[in-house]
C-alpha atoms as a PDB file:
ATOM      1  CA  MET A   1       0.000   0.000   0.000  1.00  0.00           C
ATOM      2  CA  VAL A   2       2.813   2.394   0.861  1.00  0.00           C
ATOM      3  CA  ASN A   3       4.552   1.609  -2.439  1.00  0.00           C
ATOM      4  CA  LEU A   4       1.345   2.431  -4.308  1.00  0.00           C
ATOM      5  CA  ALA A   5       1.090   5.791  -2.532  1.00  0.00           C
ATOM      6  CA  PHE A   6       4.702   6.626  -3.426  1.00  0.00           C
ATOM      7  CA  ALA A   7       4.105   5.586  -7.035  1.00  0.00           C
ATOM      8  CA  ILE A   8       1.049   7.837  -7.289  1.00  0.00           C
ATOM      9  CA  LEU A   9       2.939  10.715  -5.688  1.00  0.00           C
ATOM     10  CA  ALA A  10       5.893  10.265  -8.056  1.00  0.00           C
ATOM     11  CA  LEU A  11       3.555  10.172 -11.045  1.00  0.00           C
ATOM     12  CA  ALA A  12       1.727  13.324  -9.909  1.00  0.00           C
ATOM     13  CA  MET A  13       5.012  15.191  -9.411  1.00  0.00           C
ATOM     14  CA  GLY A  14       6.228  14.088 -12.821  1.00  0.00           C
ATOM     15  CA  LEU A  15       3.082  15.334 -14.556  1.00  0.00           C
ATOM     16  CA  ALA A  16       2.903  18.637 -12.709  1.00  0.00           C
ATOM     17  CA  THR A  17       4.028  21.680 -14.660  1.00  0.00           C
ATOM     18  CA  PRO A  18       5.614  24.716 -13.031  1.00  0.00           C
ATOM     19  CA  VAL A  19       3.455  27.785 -12.612  1.00  0.00           C
ATOM     20  CA  GLN A  20       4.668  31.130 -13.934  1.00  0.00           C
ATOM     21  CA  ALA A  21       3.843  34.495 -12.458  1.00  0.00           C
ATOM     22  CA  GLN A  22       2.221  37.189 -14.567  1.00  0.00           C
ATOM     23  CA  MET A  23       4.903  39.063 -16.497  1.00  0.00           C
ATOM     24  CA  TYR A  24       3.026  42.336 -16.939  1.00  0.00           C
ATOM     25  CA  ASP A  25       2.043  44.638 -14.068  1.00  0.00           C
ATOM     26  CA  PRO A  26      -1.370  46.108 -14.992  1.00  0.00           C
ATOM     27  CA  ASN A  27      -0.650  49.261 -12.933  1.00  0.00           C
ATOM     28  CA  TYR A  28       1.922  50.731 -15.357  1.00  0.00           C
ATOM     29  CA  PRO A  29       1.424  51.577 -19.057  1.00  0.00           C
ATOM     30  CA  VAL A  30       5.000  50.869 -20.227  1.00  0.00           C
ATOM     31  CA  CYS A  31       7.261  47.834 -19.799  1.00  0.00           C
ATOM     32  CA  MET A  32      10.938  47.241 -20.452  1.00  0.00           C
ATOM     33  CA  HIS A  33      11.893  43.824 -21.774  1.00  0.00           C
ATOM     34  CA  VAL A  34      15.428  43.074 -20.578  1.00  0.00           C
ATOM     35  CA  TYR A  35      17.263  40.202 -22.242  1.00  0.00           C
ATOM     36  CA  GLY A  36      20.734  38.705 -22.406  1.00  0.00           C
ATOM     37  CA  GLU A  37      22.990  36.611 -20.241  1.00  0.00           C
ATOM     38  CA  LEU A  38      24.407  39.444 -18.150  1.00  0.00           C
ATOM     39  CA  GLU A  39      21.143  40.891 -16.874  1.00  0.00           C
ATOM     40  CA  GLY A  40      18.828  37.916 -17.292  1.00  0.00           C
ATOM     41  CA  GLU A  41      15.527  37.652 -19.098  1.00  0.00           C
ATOM     42  CA  ARG A  42      12.783  39.679 -17.416  1.00  0.00           C
ATOM     43  CA  MET A  43       9.942  42.114 -17.939  1.00  0.00           C
ATOM     44  CA  ASP A  44       9.991  45.297 -15.837  1.00  0.00           C
ATOM     45  CA  CYS A  45       6.593  47.044 -15.913  1.00  0.00           C
ATOM     46  CA  ILE A  46       7.415  50.036 -13.728  1.00  0.00           C
ATOM     47  CA  PHE A  47       7.352  52.960 -16.172  1.00  0.00           C
ATOM     48  CA  THR A  48       4.800  55.708 -16.721  1.00  0.00           C
ATOM     49  CA  SER A  49       6.054  56.795 -20.173  1.00  0.00           C
ATOM     50  CA  LEU A  50       8.032  55.478 -23.124  1.00  0.00           C
ATOM     51  CA  ALA A  51      10.579  58.291 -22.631  1.00  0.00           C
ATOM     52  CA  GLN A  52      11.187  57.243 -19.023  1.00  0.00           C
ATOM     53  CA  CYS A  53      11.649  53.634 -20.113  1.00  0.00           C
ATOM     54  CA  ALA A  54      13.944  54.582 -23.006  1.00  0.00           C
ATOM     55  CA  ALA A  55      16.194  56.561 -20.671  1.00  0.00           C
ATOM     56  CA  THR A  56      16.509  53.551 -18.375  1.00  0.00           C
ATOM     57  CA  ALA A  57      17.017  51.099 -21.244  1.00  0.00           C
ATOM     58  CA  SER A  58      19.742  53.200 -22.896  1.00  0.00           C
ATOM     59  CA  GLY A  59      22.960  51.212 -23.261  1.00  0.00           C
ATOM     60  CA  ARG A  60      21.388  47.991 -22.011  1.00  0.00           C
ATOM     61  CA  PRO A  61      20.147  44.906 -23.850  1.00  0.00           C
ATOM     62  CA  ALA A  62      16.535  46.014 -23.481  1.00  0.00           C
ATOM     63  CA  THR A  63      13.569  47.348 -25.392  1.00  0.00           C
ATOM     64  CA  CYS A  64      10.500  49.317 -24.308  1.00  0.00           C
ATOM     65  CA  LEU A  65       6.941  48.390 -25.174  1.00  0.00           C
ATOM     66  CA  VAL A  66       3.398  49.419 -24.370  1.00  0.00           C
ATOM     67  CA  ASN A  67       1.904  47.187 -21.687  1.00  0.00           C
ATOM     68  CA  PRO A  68      -0.930  45.208 -23.330  1.00  0.00           C
ATOM     69  CA  TYR A  69      -2.463  44.498 -19.904  1.00  0.00           C
ATOM     70  CA  TYR A  70      -2.430  48.057 -18.574  1.00  0.00           C
ATOM     71  CA  ALA A  71      -5.681  48.748 -16.712  1.00  0.00           C
ATOM     72  CA  ARG A  72      -6.441  52.452 -16.773  1.00  0.00           C
ATOM     73  CA  SER A  73      -7.864  53.937 -13.634  1.00  0.00           C
ATOM     74  CA  SER A  74     -11.595  54.531 -13.876  1.00  0.00           C
ATOM     75  CA  ARG A  75     -11.310  57.696 -11.769  1.00  0.00           C
ATOM     76  CA  ARG A  76     -11.082  60.988 -13.641  1.00  0.00           C
ATOM     77  CA  ARG A  77      -8.448  63.520 -12.723  1.00  0.00           C
ATOM     78  CA  ARG A  78      -9.582  67.041 -11.932  1.00  0.00           C
END
């Protein structure tokens, strides 16, 4: 019985796939995609404008893009 339980557990662990976190932060309209071996592959969604992102990305293996998951605030500014 114990061997059966271990076999089922081993099978379940073998079939399980890793879960990935969401890459895009919906709170910011611009993301910087950083790539390369030195800095690692990542998506930084912490920018409020393309100009701000471009200044940060300058000289780095990175590119700026509009966040496709940006959720605009429903409140109007006065």
